[in-house]
């Protein structure tokens, strides 16, 4: 029986198709199937020092890419699945409001400012101060050197505990320098951790020149004010503990009173006396001030670039370039 060419061609095509399908299933030499785990290698493993999720998160579950971990102390963390696992933690925490450790000057108990002394004379300087912080002071707290002349003084622990809000006395055993002239030393409280805080206290004496006959003159009565003297009245701007971002510019202004017997001219200045300078420069007072009057004095400052608590000390200088009066301070928190 004869077959048509068309019928024969169809049979040949069917045979070839069947052969091709059988070869695809039986051949052991073809390449492996597509690796469905390839997407898992797109993100490299974290380096050995990379913080693991459980170190930051309250939950032990690993976050999904793009998710935000738990709340509370870990809020603000982000999960970034790029090339490796990166955890970005929150910035430092700062407490607003009253400081744990803070102090205020109350009065000089001994050695009024400008007291005359013989070279090498030993003396005890005592201040009354107030615990203006929220934490009690124990006898691990001390009064420590901050700047100026040490006059033989050393860090001295407070004699008695002082509770928050109470007043107490702190003291130093000092020795008058051998060089005649005015000598000023700045001292400040330190807590049990060794960190400075609070107002800067100062001692100011005048060492008499024993080669001159005038040194035989009795000491002036304490009621006689020195030529140049000042007291703090108030903070006009930037109260203690004001928060700033790194690099912020600001102007600190104090109100002070001329408690001396001499007029202040615009040749008088406010100058850096210790602590953080914060880019401040010596600045002339804006107007003349008669004895008994008050004025406002300002310094232009810049917040440091590193977060933390910063305190700078500033003091008046007369036309002759000599420091005098109360030590003023500026205290800020950079966040």
Foldseek 3Di string as FASTA:
>chain_A
DDDDPVVVVVVVVVVVVVVVVVCVVPDPPDDDDDDPCVVVVQAAEAPPPADDPVVQAPDPDDDDAADFGDDDQQGPWHWHRHRYTHIDGDDDDDDDDFAQFAKAFDAWPDQPAAWEDAAFDKDKTKTKMAGQGQHKAAQLKWKAFFFWDCQPWHIHTAPGIHHHGGMDMHMTIGTHHNDFAKGKTWIFMAGNVRDTHYFIDMHIYGHDDVVDPVVVDDIDDPVAFAQFAKDFDAWPDQPAAAEDAAFDKDKTKTKMAGQHQHKAAQLKWKAWTGWDCQPWHIHGFPGIHHHGDMGMHMIIGTHHNDFDKGKTWIFMAGNVGDTHYGIDMHIYTHD
